[in-house]
C-alpha atoms as a PDB file:
ATOM      1  CA  UNK A   1      32.919  16.954  28.510  1.00  0.00           C
ATOM      2  CA  UNK A   2      31.767  16.764  32.090  1.00  0.00           C
ATOM      3  CA  UNK A   3      28.673  14.560  32.198  1.00  0.00           C
ATOM      4  CA  UNK A   4      27.662  15.828  35.624  1.00  0.00           C
ATOM      5  CA  UNK A   5      27.682  19.490  34.639  1.00  0.00           C
ATOM      6  CA  UNK A   6      24.423  21.444  34.508  1.00  0.00           C
ATOM      7  CA  UNK A   7      25.182  22.509  30.923  1.00  0.00           C
ATOM      8  CA  UNK A   8      25.347  18.894  29.722  1.00  0.00           C
ATOM      9  CA  UNK A   9      22.116  18.085  31.575  1.00  0.00           C
ATOM     10  CA  UNK A  10      20.346  21.076  29.988  1.00  0.00           C
ATOM     11  CA  UNK A  11      21.563  20.301  26.434  1.00  0.00           C
ATOM     12  CA  UNK A  12      20.525  16.635  26.579  1.00  0.00           C
ATOM     13  CA  UNK A  13      17.091  17.357  28.021  1.00  0.00           C
ATOM     14  CA  UNK A  14      16.463  20.195  25.559  1.00  0.00           C
ATOM     15  CA  UNK A  15      17.190  17.870  22.616  1.00  0.00           C
ATOM     16  CA  UNK A  16      14.866  15.225  24.038  1.00  0.00           C
ATOM     17  CA  UNK A  17      12.131  17.807  24.644  1.00  0.00           C
ATOM     18  CA  UNK A  18      12.201  19.093  21.047  1.00  0.00           C
ATOM     19  CA  UNK A  19      12.290  15.568  19.608  1.00  0.00           C
ATOM     20  CA  UNK A  20       9.178  14.531  21.546  1.00  0.00           C
ATOM     21  CA  UNK A  21       7.468  17.810  20.719  1.00  0.00           C
ATOM     22  CA  UNK A  22       8.038  17.205  16.979  1.00  0.00           C
ATOM     23  CA  UNK A  23       6.554  13.715  17.296  1.00  0.00           C
ATOM     24  CA  UNK A  24       3.553  15.050  19.226  1.00  0.00           C
ATOM     25  CA  UNK A  25       2.850  17.682  16.546  1.00  0.00           C
ATOM     26  CA  UNK A  26       2.298  15.079  13.851  1.00  0.00           C
ATOM     27  CA  UNK A  27      -1.411  14.986  13.065  1.00  0.00           C
ATOM     28  CA  UNK A  28      -3.188  11.800  14.032  1.00  0.00           C
ATOM     29  CA  UNK A  29      -5.955  10.456  11.886  1.00  0.00           C
ATOM     30  CA  UNK A  30      -9.090  10.274  13.986  1.00  0.00           C
ATOM     31  CA  UNK A  31     -11.892   7.966  12.900  1.00  0.00           C
ATOM     32  CA  UNK A  32     -15.172   9.874  12.807  1.00  0.00           C
ATOM     33  CA  UNK A  33     -17.043   7.426  15.007  1.00  0.00           C
ATOM     34  CA  UNK A  34     -19.334   7.888  18.047  1.00  0.00           C
ATOM     35  CA  UNK A  35     -17.949  10.637  20.332  1.00  0.00           C
ATOM     36  CA  UNK A  36     -15.483  11.912  17.703  1.00  0.00           C
ATOM     37  CA  UNK A  37     -18.358  13.308  15.608  1.00  0.00           C
ATOM     38  CA  UNK A  38     -18.413  17.067  16.151  1.00  0.00           C
ATOM     39  CA  UNK A  39     -21.436  17.982  14.010  1.00  0.00           C
ATOM     40  CA  UNK A  40     -24.579  19.012  15.896  1.00  0.00           C
ATOM     41  CA  UNK A  41     -26.978  17.435  13.358  1.00  0.00           C
ATOM     42  CA  UNK A  42     -26.565  14.474  11.001  1.00  0.00           C
ATOM     43  CA  UNK A  43     -28.524  12.812   8.223  1.00  0.00           C
ATOM     44  CA  UNK A  44     -28.910   9.294   9.611  1.00  0.00           C
ATOM     45  CA  UNK A  45     -29.302   6.324   7.274  1.00  0.00           C
ATOM     46  CA  UNK A  46     -30.727   3.269   9.047  1.00  0.00           C
ATOM     47  CA  UNK A  47     -33.206   0.506   8.237  1.00  0.00           C
ATOM     48  CA  UNK A  48     -33.508   1.815   4.648  1.00  0.00           C
ATOM     49  CA  UNK A  49     -34.680   5.260   5.817  1.00  0.00           C
ATOM     50  CA  UNK A  50     -33.032   8.667   5.868  1.00  0.00           C
ATOM     51  CA  UNK A  51     -33.858  11.218   8.516  1.00  0.00           C
ATOM     52  CA  UNK A  52     -32.194  14.312   9.863  1.00  0.00           C
ATOM     53  CA  UNK A  53     -31.705  14.397  13.620  1.00  0.00           C
ATOM     54  CA  UNK A  54     -29.346  15.622  16.292  1.00  0.00           C
ATOM     55  CA  UNK A  55     -26.125  13.724  16.803  1.00  0.00           C
ATOM     56  CA  UNK A  56     -27.147  12.829  20.368  1.00  0.00           C
ATOM     57  CA  UNK A  57     -30.354  11.162  19.179  1.00  0.00           C
ATOM     58  CA  UNK A  58     -28.465   9.268  16.481  1.00  0.00           C
ATOM     59  CA  UNK A  59     -25.853   8.170  19.024  1.00  0.00           C
ATOM     60  CA  UNK A  60     -28.639   6.980  21.348  1.00  0.00           C
ATOM     61  CA  UNK A  61     -30.167   4.880  18.526  1.00  0.00           C
ATOM     62  CA  UNK A  62     -26.755   3.340  17.800  1.00  0.00           C
ATOM     63  CA  UNK A  63     -26.181   2.562  21.489  1.00  0.00           C
ATOM     64  CA  UNK A  64     -29.631   0.920  21.726  1.00  0.00           C
ATOM     65  CA  UNK A  65     -28.707  -1.383  18.833  1.00  0.00           C
ATOM     66  CA  UNK A  66     -25.250  -2.081  20.337  1.00  0.00           C
ATOM     67  CA  UNK A  67     -23.444  -0.673  17.305  1.00  0.00           C
ATOM     68  CA  UNK A  68     -21.465   2.425  16.356  1.00  0.00           C
ATOM     69  CA  UNK A  69     -22.494   5.714  14.771  1.00  0.00           C
ATOM     70  CA  UNK A  70     -20.127   6.242  11.825  1.00  0.00           C
ATOM     71  CA  UNK A  71     -19.781   9.431   9.774  1.00  0.00           C
ATOM     72  CA  UNK A  72     -19.831   8.351   6.120  1.00  0.00           C
ATOM     73  CA  UNK A  73     -19.696  11.762   4.399  1.00  0.00           C
ATOM     74  CA  UNK A  74     -18.290  14.458   6.647  1.00  0.00           C
ATOM     75  CA  UNK A  75     -18.352  17.217   3.994  1.00  0.00           C
ATOM     76  CA  UNK A  76     -22.061  16.936   3.163  1.00  0.00           C
ATOM     77  CA  UNK A  77     -24.639  19.382   4.552  1.00  0.00           C
ATOM     78  CA  UNK A  78     -25.740  17.932   6.978  1.00  0.00           C
ATOM     79  CA  UNK A  79     -23.060  15.226   7.425  1.00  0.00           C
ATOM     80  CA  UNK A  80     -24.262  11.704   6.558  1.00  0.00           C
ATOM     81  CA  UNK A  81     -23.996   9.023   9.251  1.00  0.00           C
ATOM     82  CA  UNK A  82     -24.761   5.293   9.408  1.00  0.00           C
ATOM     83  CA  UNK A  83     -25.270   2.833  12.201  1.00  0.00           C
ATOM     84  CA  UNK A  84     -22.888  -0.129  11.793  1.00  0.00           C
ATOM     85  CA  UNK A  85     -20.309  -2.298  13.507  1.00  0.00           C
ATOM     86  CA  UNK A  86     -17.238  -0.080  12.978  1.00  0.00           C
ATOM     87  CA  UNK A  87     -14.629  -2.678  13.937  1.00  0.00           C
ATOM     88  CA  UNK A  88     -16.021  -5.204  11.465  1.00  0.00           C
ATOM     89  CA  UNK A  89     -16.329  -2.597   8.675  1.00  0.00           C
ATOM     90  CA  UNK A  90     -12.744  -1.416   9.238  1.00  0.00           C
ATOM     91  CA  UNK A  91     -11.458  -5.005   9.200  1.00  0.00           C
ATOM     92  CA  UNK A  92     -13.309  -5.736   5.939  1.00  0.00           C
ATOM     93  CA  UNK A  93     -11.871  -2.577   4.317  1.00  0.00           C
ATOM     94  CA  UNK A  94      -8.329  -3.544   5.335  1.00  0.00           C
ATOM     95  CA  UNK A  95      -8.922  -7.052   4.002  1.00  0.00           C
ATOM     96  CA  UNK A  96     -10.104  -5.664   0.625  1.00  0.00           C
ATOM     97  CA  UNK A  97      -7.064  -3.365   0.384  1.00  0.00           C
ATOM     98  CA  UNK A  98      -4.724  -6.253   1.144  1.00  0.00           C
ATOM     99  CA  UNK A  99      -6.412  -8.387  -1.528  1.00  0.00           C
ATOM    100  CA  UNK A 100      -6.115  -5.576  -4.091  1.00  0.00           C
ATOM    101  CA  UNK A 101      -2.406  -5.143  -3.349  1.00  0.00           C
ATOM    102  CA  UNK A 102      -1.891  -8.884  -3.723  1.00  0.00           C
ATOM    103  CA  UNK A 103      -3.638  -8.973  -7.116  1.00  0.00           C
ATOM    104  CA  UNK A 104      -1.833  -5.879  -8.371  1.00  0.00           C
ATOM    105  CA  UNK A 105       0.759  -6.634 -11.045  1.00  0.00           C
ATOM    106  CA  UNK A 106       3.819  -4.403 -10.921  1.00  0.00           C
ATOM    107  CA  UNK A 107       5.358  -4.051 -14.374  1.00  0.00           C
ATOM    108  CA  UNK A 108       9.106  -3.711 -14.271  1.00  0.00           C
ATOM    109  CA  UNK A 109      11.466  -2.625 -17.023  1.00  0.00           C
ATOM    110  CA  UNK A 110      14.243  -5.168 -17.486  1.00  0.00           C
ATOM    111  CA  UNK A 111      17.367  -4.188 -19.372  1.00  0.00           C
ATOM    112  CA  UNK A 112      19.193  -6.292 -21.954  1.00  0.00           C
ATOM    113  CA  UNK A 113      22.605  -4.892 -22.937  1.00  0.00           C
ATOM    114  CA  UNK A 114      24.100  -5.435 -26.350  1.00  0.00           C
ATOM    115  CA  UNK A 115      26.868  -4.167 -28.603  1.00  0.00           C
ATOM    116  CA  UNK A 116      26.723  -3.079 -32.272  1.00  0.00           C
ATOM    117  CA  UNK A 117      29.239  -5.816 -33.128  1.00  0.00           C
ATOM    118  CA  UNK A 118      27.366  -8.610 -31.311  1.00  0.00           C
ATOM    119  CA  UNK A 119      28.020 -12.198 -32.396  1.00  0.00           C
ATOM    120  CA  UNK A 120      25.132 -14.501 -33.378  1.00  0.00           C
ATOM    121  CA  UNK A 121      25.568 -16.695 -30.258  1.00  0.00           C
ATOM    122  CA  UNK A 122      25.475 -13.703 -27.931  1.00  0.00           C
ATOM    123  CA  UNK A 123      22.502 -12.348 -29.866  1.00  0.00           C
ATOM    124  CA  UNK A 124      20.564 -15.598 -29.266  1.00  0.00           C
ATOM    125  CA  UNK A 125      21.449 -15.510 -25.553  1.00  0.00           C
ATOM    126  CA  UNK A 126      20.151 -11.933 -25.234  1.00  0.00           C
ATOM    127  CA  UNK A 127      17.045 -12.922 -27.202  1.00  0.00           C
ATOM    128  CA  UNK A 128      16.306 -15.797 -24.769  1.00  0.00           C
ATOM    129  CA  UNK A 129      16.708 -13.424 -21.806  1.00  0.00           C
ATOM    130  CA  UNK A 130      14.335 -10.908 -23.406  1.00  0.00           C
ATOM    131  CA  UNK A 131      11.772 -13.678 -24.095  1.00  0.00           C
ATOM    132  CA  UNK A 132      11.949 -14.786 -20.463  1.00  0.00           C
ATOM    133  CA  UNK A 133      11.332 -11.223 -19.240  1.00  0.00           C
ATOM    134  CA  UNK A 134       8.460 -10.642 -21.688  1.00  0.00           C
ATOM    135  CA  UNK A 135       6.744 -13.918 -20.736  1.00  0.00           C
ATOM    136  CA  UNK A 136       6.754 -12.815 -17.087  1.00  0.00           C
ATOM    137  CA  UNK A 137       4.900  -9.656 -18.147  1.00  0.00           C
ATOM    138  CA  UNK A 138       7.806  -7.209 -17.817  1.00  0.00           C
ATOM    139  CA  UNK A 139       8.877  -4.598 -20.336  1.00  0.00           C
ATOM    140  CA  UNK A 140      12.302  -4.975 -21.933  1.00  0.00           C
ATOM    141  CA  UNK A 141      14.702  -2.133 -22.659  1.00  0.00           C
ATOM    142  CA  UNK A 142      17.225  -3.156 -25.304  1.00  0.00           C
ATOM    143  CA  UNK A 143      20.305  -1.075 -24.573  1.00  0.00           C
ATOM    144  CA  UNK A 144      23.091  -0.845 -27.130  1.00  0.00           C
ATOM    145  CA  UNK A 145      26.326   0.859 -26.046  1.00  0.00           C
ATOM    146  CA  UNK A 146      28.733   2.437 -28.542  1.00  0.00           C
ATOM    147  CA  UNK A 147      32.428   2.414 -27.650  1.00  0.00           C
ATOM    148  CA  UNK A 148      35.124   4.531 -29.236  1.00  0.00           C
ATOM    149  CA  UNK A 149      34.701   5.117 -32.957  1.00  0.00           C
ATOM    150  CA  UNK A 150      31.626   2.838 -33.155  1.00  0.00           C
ATOM    151  CA  UNK A 151      29.522   5.949 -32.518  1.00  0.00           C
ATOM    152  CA  UNK A 152      30.068   6.985 -36.146  1.00  0.00           C
ATOM    153  CA  UNK A 153      28.145   3.874 -37.295  1.00  0.00           C
ATOM    154  CA  UNK A 154      24.820   4.378 -35.533  1.00  0.00           C
ATOM    155  CA  UNK A 155      23.022   2.741 -38.476  1.00  0.00           C
ATOM    156  CA  UNK A 156      24.634  -0.626 -37.592  1.00  0.00           C
ATOM    157  CA  UNK A 157      23.402  -0.313 -33.995  1.00  0.00           C
ATOM    158  CA  UNK A 158      19.910   0.603 -35.163  1.00  0.00           C
ATOM    159  CA  UNK A 159      19.875  -2.501 -37.418  1.00  0.00           C
ATOM    160  CA  UNK A 160      20.803  -4.753 -34.457  1.00  0.00           C
ATOM    161  CA  UNK A 161      17.969  -3.310 -32.341  1.00  0.00           C
ATOM    162  CA  UNK A 162      15.457  -3.560 -35.206  1.00  0.00           C
ATOM    163  CA  UNK A 163      16.505  -7.161 -35.861  1.00  0.00           C
ATOM    164  CA  UNK A 164      15.873  -8.070 -32.199  1.00  0.00           C
ATOM    165  CA  UNK A 165      12.479  -6.316 -32.302  1.00  0.00           C
ATOM    166  CA  UNK A 166      11.529  -8.197 -35.495  1.00  0.00           C
ATOM    167  CA  UNK A 167      12.505 -11.556 -34.017  1.00  0.00           C
ATOM    168  CA  UNK A 168      10.429 -10.882 -30.887  1.00  0.00           C
ATOM    169  CA  UNK A 169       7.490  -9.546 -32.914  1.00  0.00           C
ATOM    170  CA  UNK A 170       5.218 -12.516 -32.083  1.00  0.00           C
ATOM    171  CA  UNK A 171       5.327 -11.910 -28.284  1.00  0.00           C
ATOM    172  CA  UNK A 172       6.228  -8.205 -28.030  1.00  0.00           C
ATOM    173  CA  UNK A 173       5.357  -4.869 -29.542  1.00  0.00           C
ATOM    174  CA  UNK A 174       7.657  -1.893 -29.861  1.00  0.00           C
ATOM    175  CA  UNK A 175       6.681   0.703 -27.286  1.00  0.00           C
ATOM    176  CA  UNK A 176       9.474   3.141 -28.086  1.00  0.00           C
ATOM    177  CA  UNK A 177      11.497   3.162 -31.288  1.00  0.00           C
ATOM    178  CA  UNK A 178      15.303   3.187 -31.324  1.00  0.00           C
ATOM    179  CA  UNK A 179      16.566   6.426 -29.833  1.00  0.00           C
ATOM    180  CA  UNK A 180      20.000   7.814 -28.985  1.00  0.00           C
ATOM    181  CA  UNK A 181      20.873   8.828 -25.424  1.00  0.00           C
ATOM    182  CA  UNK A 182      24.481   9.995 -25.215  1.00  0.00           C
ATOM    183  CA  UNK A 183      26.666   7.080 -26.339  1.00  0.00           C
ATOM    184  CA  UNK A 184      23.797   4.598 -26.001  1.00  0.00           C
ATOM    185  CA  UNK A 185      20.884   3.668 -28.202  1.00  0.00           C
ATOM    186  CA  UNK A 186      17.834   2.014 -26.699  1.00  0.00           C
ATOM    187  CA  UNK A 187      14.540   0.490 -27.787  1.00  0.00           C
ATOM    188  CA  UNK A 188      11.671  -0.479 -25.447  1.00  0.00           C
ATOM    189  CA  UNK A 189       9.500  -3.566 -25.966  1.00  0.00           C
ATOM    190  CA  UNK A 190       6.261  -4.352 -24.143  1.00  0.00           C
ATOM    191  CA  UNK A 191       4.587  -7.770 -23.984  1.00  0.00           C
ATOM    192  CA  UNK A 192       1.547  -8.335 -26.179  1.00  0.00           C
ATOM    193  CA  UNK A 193      -1.712  -9.021 -24.333  1.00  0.00           C
ATOM    194  CA  UNK A 194      -3.014 -12.565 -24.446  1.00  0.00           C
END
């Protein structure tokens, strides 16, 4: 390809043009503050009073106080506005959202795999793993996989899952009973509250 050709120049610049145009088309969220308020009249809440006035008058009152005119309810008739320090209010809202995300507990489903012919030592190891997951507040999915002709003895697999659920009864409750899914049988346990 000849990099100096007019065709190459046109193709490259056309791609760049469309890429920037797509970015420019993305809608930007505009805060409804001060000059961004398009309503002609607003219901202004200030100093414990409510009064309907033109947006210009409300903006003048906000400017006199050295604060911002903020649209609180844009869909109301007339739109409701308040006089406040917008930067401080926005910062406080972001701070509250960050605090809520930090306090939010995400429950995960941890999987413990077993076999219908599990030995007692392996069973105890899986039990300890399930206890550890449940104490952290996660759900546990006990997954039992049937291989070969084991599938004909689903009752043995169900007994293994029920035995594990019974042994974990003091810290967990059964959220979903033993159920077949292809060549696997699973049972879901959730931690008890408190």
